[in-house]
Amino acid sequence: MISIPKGMKDLLPSESHKWQYVEDVFRTLAETYGYKEIRTPMVESTELFARGIGDTTDVVQKEMYSFEKADRSLTLKPEGTAGVVRAFIENKLYAEGLPAKYYYITPCYRYEKMQKGRSREFHQFGIECFGASGMMADAEVIRIAYDVLTTLGIDDVKLKINSIGCPNCRAEYRKALQDFLRPNLDKLCDTCKSRFDRNPMRILDCKSPECQALVKGAPVMLDYLDEDCRNAFEELKSLLDAYGVPYEVDPGIVRGLDYYTKTAFEFVSDKLGSQSTVCGGGRYDKLIEQLGGPDTPGVGFGMGIERLMLILEASGFKFDPDKTSDLLICGLGEKAKIKAIELAEDLRGSGVSVMIDVMDRGLKAQFKYADRLNVPYVAVIGDDELAKGVVSLRDMKRSEQKEVPMDNLFLALFAGIFD
């Protein structure tokens, strides 16, 4: 037997209706705020992620699925933002008016250690807002993430916010952080040693327990913000208060990707153990320019669907039972089968989901099949029903059956005739 690769998972029909429900919540809320869907390829140039995410990050250094094809390095997307930025630039979407607001639902791939809520193939909701430099955009993006979680009944997550400054105020912080780390430089992991000169802030995000212990008590970026970044952070807090979004300031939030500036935030849950982040994002004012586009600010977030589903499960969220179809029509005999097809086509044209038996099973077996698939009604057509122009409509939950004129079957399904 050929098995699925480690870190991947089949999404079976018994679970897919739950994902569809959650995805519909996200789509509806995103569109309520004026965001439109964008879809980008699963494979992009490796350079896009090296330049965009940053070659000192764990994602680029350790986790990407990259391969060579026709003398070109390609990579399965490890996150959603860089691809959306590339599409924005390549298709000159900046000429269509700003701000440009996009959302996406996409699989992503990272080769990393398997843990609860962390797979090598995972799925993200994402929001990107390009063109707005003020904190109103940041607050709106955070509010959308908050709306998704609260609409799903998740009210025990915490929003943690931080400012990681801009290039103008990071120089002094960089020096202070290096001075703090220098006495223990030889104790850092090899990856963090290579980051010390190139990007010491990445050391704060290292997953190694030894490195995490060594950065305790390190200087925090909030103490080194310039006036512009400090004022922006204070404005963000005021706007979140106005939106009614509770938060706490956490100087340890730096995010794992290099493109962030100013705002950084995470929604965390204690229901996921050590892998507590269900949503993370922030501002990236230089990313679009860095990838070859015009100087355009941006802000957004990514929300892990697998982690979200784990939280819903732990919270006891009750999804509606999966319903394969509204109705199963059983045609008993050749003439009845023809009539079943005609009825099914009429009902489908009116938006009713209808199945017809395609395995020539007996009536008892068809009832059993409908019950197993949670089909609420079964319509039986035999010689007697054909002669009278009716169907025998059975309510599967109540085990009750009534004759219904064929011409009135649509109304009967939704008129509560068994009430």
Protein backbone atom coordinates (compact mmCIF):
# COMPACT_ATOMS: atom_id res chain seq x y z
CA MET A 1 0.00 0.00 0.00
CA ILE A 2 1.23 3.51 -0.83
CA SER A 3 0.89 5.69 2.27
CA ILE A 4 0.45 9.43 2.56
CA PRO A 5 3.71 11.34 3.23
CA LYS A 6 4.48 12.08 6.87
CA GLY A 7 3.05 15.38 7.99
CA MET A 8 0.20 15.35 5.45
CA LYS A 9 -3.41 14.45 6.12
CA ASP A 10 -6.46 13.49 4.08
CA LEU A 11 -9.52 15.62 4.70
CA LEU A 12 -12.32 13.07 4.57
CA PRO A 13 -15.99 13.80 3.78
CA SER A 14 -16.89 13.26 7.43
CA GLU A 15 -14.75 16.30 8.31
CA SER A 16 -14.93 18.45 5.20
CA HIS A 17 -18.34 19.92 6.04
CA LYS A 18 -16.81 21.35 9.24
CA TRP A 19 -14.04 23.03 7.28
CA GLN A 20 -16.57 24.39 4.80
CA TYR A 21 -18.55 25.93 7.64
CA VAL A 22 -15.48 27.64 9.10
CA GLU A 23 -14.31 28.79 5.67
CA ASP A 24 -17.76 30.28 4.99
CA VAL A 25 -17.55 32.25 8.24
CA PHE A 26 -14.17 33.64 7.18
CA ARG A 27 -15.26 34.47 3.63
CA THR A 28 -18.42 36.21 4.81
CA LEU A 29 -16.62 38.33 7.40
CA ALA A 30 -13.77 39.26 5.06
CA GLU A 31 -16.19 40.35 2.36
CA THR A 32 -18.20 42.32 4.93
CA TYR A 33 -15.09 44.47 5.40
CA GLY A 34 -14.60 44.89 1.65
CA TYR A 35 -11.94 42.22 1.04
CA LYS A 36 -11.94 40.16 -2.17
CA GLU A 37 -10.50 36.69 -2.74
CA ILE A 38 -7.14 36.19 -4.42
CA ARG A 39 -5.61 32.83 -5.35
CA THR A 40 -1.90 32.39 -5.99
CA PRO A 41 0.08 29.31 -7.16
CA MET A 42 1.28 26.63 -4.78
CA VAL A 43 4.77 26.88 -6.30
CA GLU A 44 6.75 30.11 -6.50
CA SER A 45 10.35 31.08 -7.17
CA THR A 46 12.52 30.26 -4.14
CA GLU A 47 13.96 33.77 -4.36
CA LEU A 48 10.54 35.23 -3.56
CA PHE A 49 10.57 33.68 -0.10
CA ALA A 50 14.29 34.16 0.52
CA ARG A 51 13.98 37.89 -0.18
CA GLY A 52 10.52 38.35 1.28
CA ILE A 53 10.50 36.19 4.41
CA GLY A 54 14.21 36.67 5.08
CA ASP A 55 17.14 34.29 4.73
CA THR A 56 17.85 34.41 8.48
CA THR A 57 14.45 32.96 9.44
CA ASP A 58 13.82 29.34 10.42
CA VAL A 59 11.32 29.09 7.55
CA VAL A 60 13.92 29.84 4.87
CA GLN A 61 16.91 28.24 6.57
CA LYS A 62 15.29 24.97 7.67
CA GLU A 63 11.69 24.45 6.65
CA MET A 64 11.04 25.14 2.96
CA TYR A 65 10.24 22.43 0.42
CA SER A 66 12.48 23.54 -2.45
CA PHE A 67 13.52 21.74 -5.62
CA GLU A 68 15.34 22.38 -8.89
CA LYS A 69 13.52 22.25 -12.23
CA ALA A 70 14.94 23.41 -15.55
CA ASP A 71 17.84 25.16 -13.81
CA ARG A 72 15.47 27.14 -11.60
CA SER A 73 14.86 26.81 -7.87
CA LEU A 74 11.18 26.51 -6.96
CA THR A 75 9.48 26.24 -3.56
CA LEU A 76 6.11 25.09 -2.25
CA LYS A 77 4.66 28.15 -0.56
CA PRO A 78 5.45 28.19 3.19
CA GLU A 79 3.13 31.15 3.86
CA GLY A 80 0.63 33.26 1.96
CA THR A 81 1.74 36.90 2.06
CA ALA A 82 4.75 36.81 -0.27
CA GLY A 83 2.75 35.25 -3.11
CA VAL A 84 -0.01 37.85 -2.79
CA VAL A 85 2.60 40.63 -2.87
CA ARG A 86 4.18 39.10 -5.98
CA ALA A 87 0.76 38.95 -7.68
CA PHE A 88 0.03 42.55 -6.65
CA ILE A 89 3.27 43.73 -8.26
CA GLU A 90 3.30 41.49 -11.34
CA ASN A 91 -0.31 42.27 -12.27
CA LYS A 92 0.07 46.00 -11.47
CA LEU A 93 -2.89 45.85 -9.11
CA TYR A 94 -1.61 49.00 -7.44
CA ALA A 95 -3.00 50.91 -10.44
CA GLU A 96 -6.56 49.85 -9.56
CA GLY A 97 -6.81 52.13 -6.53
CA LEU A 98 -5.71 51.85 -2.92
CA PRO A 99 -6.17 50.46 -0.42
CA ALA A 100 -6.20 47.05 -2.07
CA LYS A 101 -7.87 44.46 0.16
CA TYR A 102 -7.45 40.72 -0.40
CA TYR A 103 -8.20 37.48 1.42
CA TYR A 104 -7.14 33.94 0.65
CA ILE A 105 -7.58 30.36 1.83
CA THR A 106 -4.57 28.26 0.92
CA PRO A 107 -2.51 25.20 1.82
CA CYS A 108 1.10 25.87 2.86
CA TYR A 109 4.10 23.61 3.39
CA ARG A 110 6.92 23.61 5.93
CA TYR A 111 9.27 20.77 6.75
CA GLU A 112 9.44 20.79 10.54
CA LYS A 113 9.08 18.60 13.59
CA MET A 114 5.61 17.14 13.93
CA GLN A 115 3.66 18.48 16.92
CA LYS A 116 0.04 18.96 17.91
CA GLY A 117 -1.40 21.64 15.70
CA ARG A 118 1.72 21.75 13.52
CA SER A 119 1.80 19.65 10.34
CA ARG A 120 4.02 19.81 7.27
CA GLU A 121 1.00 20.59 5.16
CA PHE A 122 -1.28 23.13 6.81
CA HIS A 123 -3.92 25.58 5.72
CA GLN A 124 -4.31 29.29 6.27
CA PHE A 125 -6.88 32.00 6.11
CA GLY A 126 -5.13 35.22 5.22
CA ILE A 127 -5.94 38.92 4.99
CA GLU A 128 -3.73 41.49 3.24
CA CYS A 129 -4.37 45.24 3.05
CA PHE A 130 -2.00 47.21 0.78
CA GLY A 131 -1.67 50.97 0.59
CA ALA A 132 -2.77 52.19 4.03
CA SER A 133 0.01 53.51 6.27
CA GLY A 134 -2.14 54.48 9.27
CA MET A 135 -3.09 52.36 12.25
CA MET A 136 -6.75 52.31 11.17
CA ALA A 137 -5.80 49.50 8.77
CA ASP A 138 -3.96 47.57 11.50
CA ALA A 139 -6.91 47.86 13.87
CA GLU A 140 -9.35 46.74 11.16
CA VAL A 141 -7.24 43.70 10.27
CA ILE A 142 -7.02 42.70 13.93
CA ARG A 143 -10.76 43.23 14.33
CA ILE A 144 -11.47 40.86 11.41
CA ALA A 145 -9.40 38.12 13.07
CA TYR A 146 -11.21 38.80 16.35
CA ASP A 147 -14.58 38.61 14.56
CA VAL A 148 -13.72 35.23 13.02
CA LEU A 149 -12.82 33.78 16.41
CA THR A 150 -15.77 35.22 18.32
CA THR A 151 -18.27 34.32 15.57
CA LEU A 152 -17.13 30.72 16.03
CA GLY A 153 -17.71 31.05 19.76
CA ILE A 154 -14.03 31.16 20.70
CA ASP A 155 -13.92 33.74 23.46
CA ASP A 156 -10.99 32.52 25.53
CA VAL A 157 -8.16 33.42 23.13
CA LYS A 158 -5.87 36.30 24.04
CA LEU A 159 -4.67 39.00 21.68
CA LYS A 160 -1.05 39.95 22.27
CA ILE A 161 0.37 43.02 20.55
CA ASN A 162 3.80 44.57 20.22
CA SER A 163 5.69 47.07 18.10
CA ILE A 164 8.94 45.89 16.57
CA GLY A 165 9.76 49.35 15.27
CA CYS A 166 11.12 50.35 11.90
CA PRO A 167 14.63 50.44 10.36
CA ASN A 168 15.12 53.95 11.79
CA CYS A 169 14.79 52.88 15.40
CA ARG A 170 16.14 49.34 15.19
CA ALA A 171 19.82 50.29 14.86
CA GLU A 172 20.16 51.30 18.51
CA TYR A 173 18.12 48.30 19.64
CA ARG A 174 20.22 45.96 17.51
CA LYS A 175 23.37 47.18 19.26
CA ALA A 176 21.80 46.83 22.73
CA LEU A 177 20.62 43.30 21.93
CA GLN A 178 24.03 42.27 20.62
CA ASP A 179 25.69 43.68 23.75
CA PHE A 180 23.29 41.62 25.87
CA LEU A 181 23.87 38.40 23.92
CA ARG A 182 27.64 38.71 23.37
CA PRO A 183 28.76 37.20 26.74
CA ASN A 184 26.81 34.00 25.91
CA LEU A 185 27.43 33.94 22.18
CA ASP A 186 29.26 30.62 22.33
CA LYS A 187 26.25 29.01 24.08
CA LEU A 188 23.79 29.88 21.31
CA CYS A 189 22.80 27.24 18.75
CA ASP A 190 24.73 27.29 15.48
CA THR A 191 21.84 28.91 13.64
CA CYS A 192 21.60 31.75 16.16
CA LYS A 193 25.36 32.26 16.08
CA SER A 194 25.03 32.95 12.35
CA ARG A 195 22.21 35.40 13.08
CA PHE A 196 24.14 37.40 15.65
CA ASP A 197 25.71 39.77 13.14
CA ARG A 198 23.14 39.57 10.36
CA ASN A 199 19.83 39.79 12.26
CA PRO A 200 20.02 39.36 16.04
CA MET A 201 16.26 39.88 16.50
CA ARG A 202 15.74 36.45 14.94
CA ILE A 203 17.47 34.94 17.99
CA LEU A 204 14.49 36.04 20.08
CA ASP A 205 12.29 33.81 17.93
CA CYS A 206 14.48 30.70 18.10
CA LYS A 207 12.61 27.56 19.19
CA SER A 208 15.62 26.05 20.97
CA PRO A 209 14.98 25.86 24.75
CA GLU A 210 18.65 26.72 25.38
CA CYS A 211 18.43 29.89 23.27
CA GLN A 212 15.11 30.81 24.84
CA ALA A 213 16.72 30.64 28.27
CA LEU A 214 19.62 32.83 27.15
CA VAL A 215 17.37 35.62 25.83
CA LYS A 216 15.41 36.00 29.06
CA GLY A 217 15.86 39.52 30.33
CA ALA A 218 17.00 40.81 26.93
CA PRO A 219 16.29 44.46 26.03
CA VAL A 220 12.84 45.01 24.50
CA MET A 221 12.12 46.90 21.32
CA LEU A 222 9.40 49.00 22.98
CA ASP A 223 12.11 50.85 24.94
CA TYR A 224 13.89 51.86 21.71
CA LEU A 225 10.98 53.06 19.54
CA ASP A 226 11.38 56.41 17.82
CA GLU A 227 8.63 59.01 18.17
CA ASP A 228 6.76 57.93 15.04
CA CYS A 229 6.66 54.25 15.99
CA ARG A 230 5.77 55.05 19.60
CA ASN A 231 2.89 57.30 18.54
CA ALA A 232 1.66 54.67 16.07
CA PHE A 233 1.61 52.01 18.78
CA GLU A 234 -0.32 54.26 21.15
CA GLU A 235 -2.80 55.01 18.36
CA LEU A 236 -3.24 51.30 17.68
CA LYS A 237 -4.10 50.67 21.31
CA SER A 238 -6.67 53.49 21.26
CA LEU A 239 -8.27 52.13 18.10
CA LEU A 240 -8.47 48.59 19.51
CA ASP A 241 -10.18 50.07 22.56
CA ALA A 242 -12.66 51.77 20.23
CA TYR A 243 -13.27 48.49 18.40
CA GLY A 244 -13.85 46.74 21.71
CA VAL A 245 -11.03 44.26 21.15
CA PRO A 246 -9.27 43.28 24.42
CA TYR A 247 -5.48 42.94 24.24
CA GLU A 248 -2.30 42.76 26.26
CA VAL A 249 1.08 44.22 25.35
CA ASP A 250 3.73 41.51 25.03
CA PRO A 251 7.26 42.73 24.18
CA GLY A 252 8.19 39.13 23.28
CA ILE A 253 6.03 39.07 20.15
CA VAL A 254 8.43 39.47 17.22
CA ARG A 255 6.88 37.04 14.67
CA GLY A 256 8.95 34.57 12.69
CA LEU A 257 9.27 36.45 9.40
CA ASP A 258 11.66 39.30 8.63
CA TYR A 259 9.26 41.53 6.73
CA TYR A 260 7.35 42.85 9.75
CA THR A 261 7.64 46.49 10.88
CA LYS A 262 5.84 48.35 13.66
CA THR A 263 2.74 46.29 14.53
CA ALA A 264 3.14 42.61 15.41
CA PHE A 265 0.33 40.59 16.97
CA GLU A 266 -0.79 37.09 17.84
CA PHE A 267 -3.98 35.46 19.03
CA VAL A 268 -3.05 32.63 21.40
CA SER A 269 -4.97 29.87 23.13
CA ASP A 270 -4.02 27.70 26.10
CA LYS A 271 -5.98 24.82 24.53
CA LEU A 272 -3.10 24.11 22.10
CA GLY A 273 -0.31 23.46 24.60
CA SER A 274 3.06 24.87 23.58
CA GLN A 275 1.81 25.52 20.03
CA SER A 276 -0.48 28.25 21.27
CA THR A 277 -0.63 30.68 18.34
CA VAL A 278 -3.76 30.35 16.19
CA CYS A 279 -3.37 33.64 14.31
CA GLY A 280 -0.44 35.98 13.75
CA GLY A 281 0.26 39.02 11.70
CA GLY A 282 1.39 42.60 11.55
CA ARG A 283 2.58 45.47 9.40
CA TYR A 284 5.15 45.17 6.58
CA ASP A 285 5.71 48.62 5.10
CA LYS A 286 8.81 47.76 3.01
CA LEU A 287 7.96 44.30 1.68
CA ILE A 288 6.28 45.36 -1.56
CA GLU A 289 9.15 47.72 -2.42
CA GLN A 290 11.68 45.06 -1.40
CA LEU A 291 10.14 42.63 -3.89
CA GLY A 292 10.31 45.10 -6.78
CA GLY A 293 7.06 47.01 -6.48
CA PRO A 294 6.29 50.64 -5.67
CA ASP A 295 6.75 51.94 -2.14
CA THR A 296 3.46 50.64 -0.69
CA PRO A 297 2.72 49.85 2.97
CA GLY A 298 0.90 46.69 3.98
CA VAL A 299 -0.64 44.88 6.93
CA GLY A 300 -2.24 41.47 7.30
CA PHE A 301 -2.54 38.19 9.17
CA GLY A 302 -2.49 34.42 8.70
CA MET A 303 -4.77 32.12 10.68
CA GLY A 304 -4.06 28.39 10.87
CA ILE A 305 -7.16 26.36 10.06
CA GLU A 306 -5.91 23.13 11.65
CA ARG A 307 -5.18 24.92 14.91
CA LEU A 308 -8.53 26.65 14.75
CA MET A 309 -10.27 23.29 14.33
CA LEU A 310 -8.37 21.90 17.34
CA ILE A 311 -9.57 24.82 19.47
CA LEU A 312 -13.15 24.31 18.32
CA GLU A 313 -12.89 20.61 19.20
CA ALA A 314 -11.41 21.37 22.63
CA SER A 315 -14.13 23.96 23.23
CA GLY A 316 -16.87 21.44 22.48
CA PHE A 317 -18.13 23.32 19.41
CA LYS A 318 -21.10 21.51 17.88
CA PHE A 319 -21.19 21.44 14.11
CA ASP A 320 -24.46 20.62 12.39
CA PRO A 321 -24.53 16.96 11.28
CA ASP A 322 -23.22 16.41 7.79
CA LYS A 323 -26.08 16.05 5.32
CA THR A 324 -25.10 14.45 2.02
CA SER A 325 -28.38 15.35 0.30
CA ASP A 326 -31.87 16.66 1.04
CA LEU A 327 -33.57 13.68 -0.56
CA LEU A 328 -32.99 10.17 -1.91
CA ILE A 329 -35.43 9.01 -4.60
CA CYS A 330 -35.93 5.28 -4.89
CA GLY A 331 -37.36 4.14 -8.21
CA LEU A 332 -38.65 0.56 -8.07
CA GLY A 333 -38.99 -0.73 -11.63
CA GLU A 334 -37.92 0.60 -15.02
CA LYS A 335 -40.74 3.14 -15.43
CA ALA A 336 -40.28 4.32 -11.86
CA LYS A 337 -36.56 4.88 -12.47
CA ILE A 338 -37.33 7.15 -15.43
CA LYS A 339 -39.79 9.10 -13.31
CA ALA A 340 -37.21 9.32 -10.50
CA ILE A 341 -34.75 10.93 -12.93
CA GLU A 342 -37.36 13.44 -14.10
CA LEU A 343 -38.30 14.38 -10.52
CA ALA A 344 -34.66 14.64 -9.47
CA GLU A 345 -33.82 16.96 -12.35
CA ASP A 346 -36.79 19.23 -11.58
CA LEU A 347 -35.84 19.43 -7.91
CA ARG A 348 -32.16 20.05 -8.63
CA GLY A 349 -33.17 22.91 -10.89
CA SER A 350 -34.88 24.44 -7.85
CA GLY A 351 -31.79 24.10 -5.69
CA VAL A 352 -32.64 20.84 -3.92
CA SER A 353 -29.85 18.30 -3.41
CA VAL A 354 -31.14 14.96 -4.66
CA MET A 355 -29.62 11.48 -4.96
CA ILE A 356 -30.93 8.54 -6.96
CA ASP A 357 -29.92 4.96 -6.27
CA VAL A 358 -27.41 3.85 -8.91
CA MET A 359 -26.74 0.34 -7.57
CA ASP A 360 -30.12 -1.35 -8.11
CA ARG A 361 -30.46 -2.17 -4.43
CA GLY A 362 -33.63 -3.23 -2.68
CA LEU A 363 -35.78 -0.74 -0.78
CA LYS A 364 -34.55 -1.81 2.65
CA ALA A 365 -30.92 -1.40 1.59
CA GLN A 366 -31.67 2.06 0.19
CA PHE A 367 -33.29 3.15 3.44
CA LYS A 368 -30.25 1.92 5.32
CA TYR A 369 -27.94 3.83 2.95
CA ALA A 370 -29.94 7.06 3.38
CA ASP A 371 -29.85 6.68 7.15
CA ARG A 372 -26.08 6.17 7.16
CA LEU A 373 -25.57 9.35 5.08
CA ASN A 374 -27.96 11.37 7.26
CA VAL A 375 -30.36 12.05 4.35
CA PRO A 376 -33.52 13.43 5.98
CA TYR A 377 -36.10 12.25 3.41
CA VAL A 378 -36.58 9.30 1.08
CA ALA A 379 -39.15 9.37 -1.74
CA VAL A 380 -40.31 5.95 -2.97
CA ILE A 381 -41.81 5.47 -6.44
CA GLY A 382 -43.25 2.10 -7.40
CA ASP A 383 -46.05 0.93 -9.68
CA ASP A 384 -48.77 1.98 -7.21
CA GLU A 385 -47.25 5.46 -6.82
CA LEU A 386 -46.96 5.88 -10.58
CA ALA A 387 -50.60 4.95 -11.06
CA LYS A 388 -51.73 7.53 -8.47
CA GLY A 389 -49.20 10.25 -9.43
CA VAL A 390 -47.70 10.35 -5.94
CA VAL A 391 -44.54 9.47 -4.07
CA SER A 392 -44.34 7.83 -0.67
CA LEU A 393 -42.27 10.38 1.25
CA ARG A 394 -40.56 9.08 4.39
CA ASP A 395 -39.18 11.25 7.20
CA MET A 396 -36.10 9.26 8.24
CA LYS A 397 -35.77 10.75 11.73
CA ARG A 398 -39.42 10.22 12.66
CA SER A 399 -39.85 6.96 10.73
CA GLU A 400 -43.11 8.38 9.38
CA GLN A 401 -44.35 8.11 5.80
CA LYS A 402 -46.98 10.03 3.79
CA GLU A 403 -48.18 10.07 0.21
CA VAL A 404 -47.39 13.34 -1.57
CA PRO A 405 -48.46 14.37 -5.09
CA MET A 406 -45.42 14.36 -7.38
CA ASP A 407 -46.18 17.91 -8.48
CA ASN A 408 -46.09 19.07 -4.83
CA LEU A 409 -42.93 17.26 -3.76
CA PHE A 410 -40.80 20.44 -3.65
CA LEU A 411 -43.28 22.21 -1.36
CA ALA A 412 -43.73 19.12 0.78
CA LEU A 413 -40.02 18.91 1.52
CA PHE A 414 -40.00 22.39 3.05
CA ALA A 415 -43.57 22.80 4.33
CA GLY A 416 -43.19 20.66 7.43
CA ILE A 417 -45.87 18.17 6.45
CA PHE A 418 -44.77 15.82 9.23
CA ASP A 419 -45.17 18.47 11.96
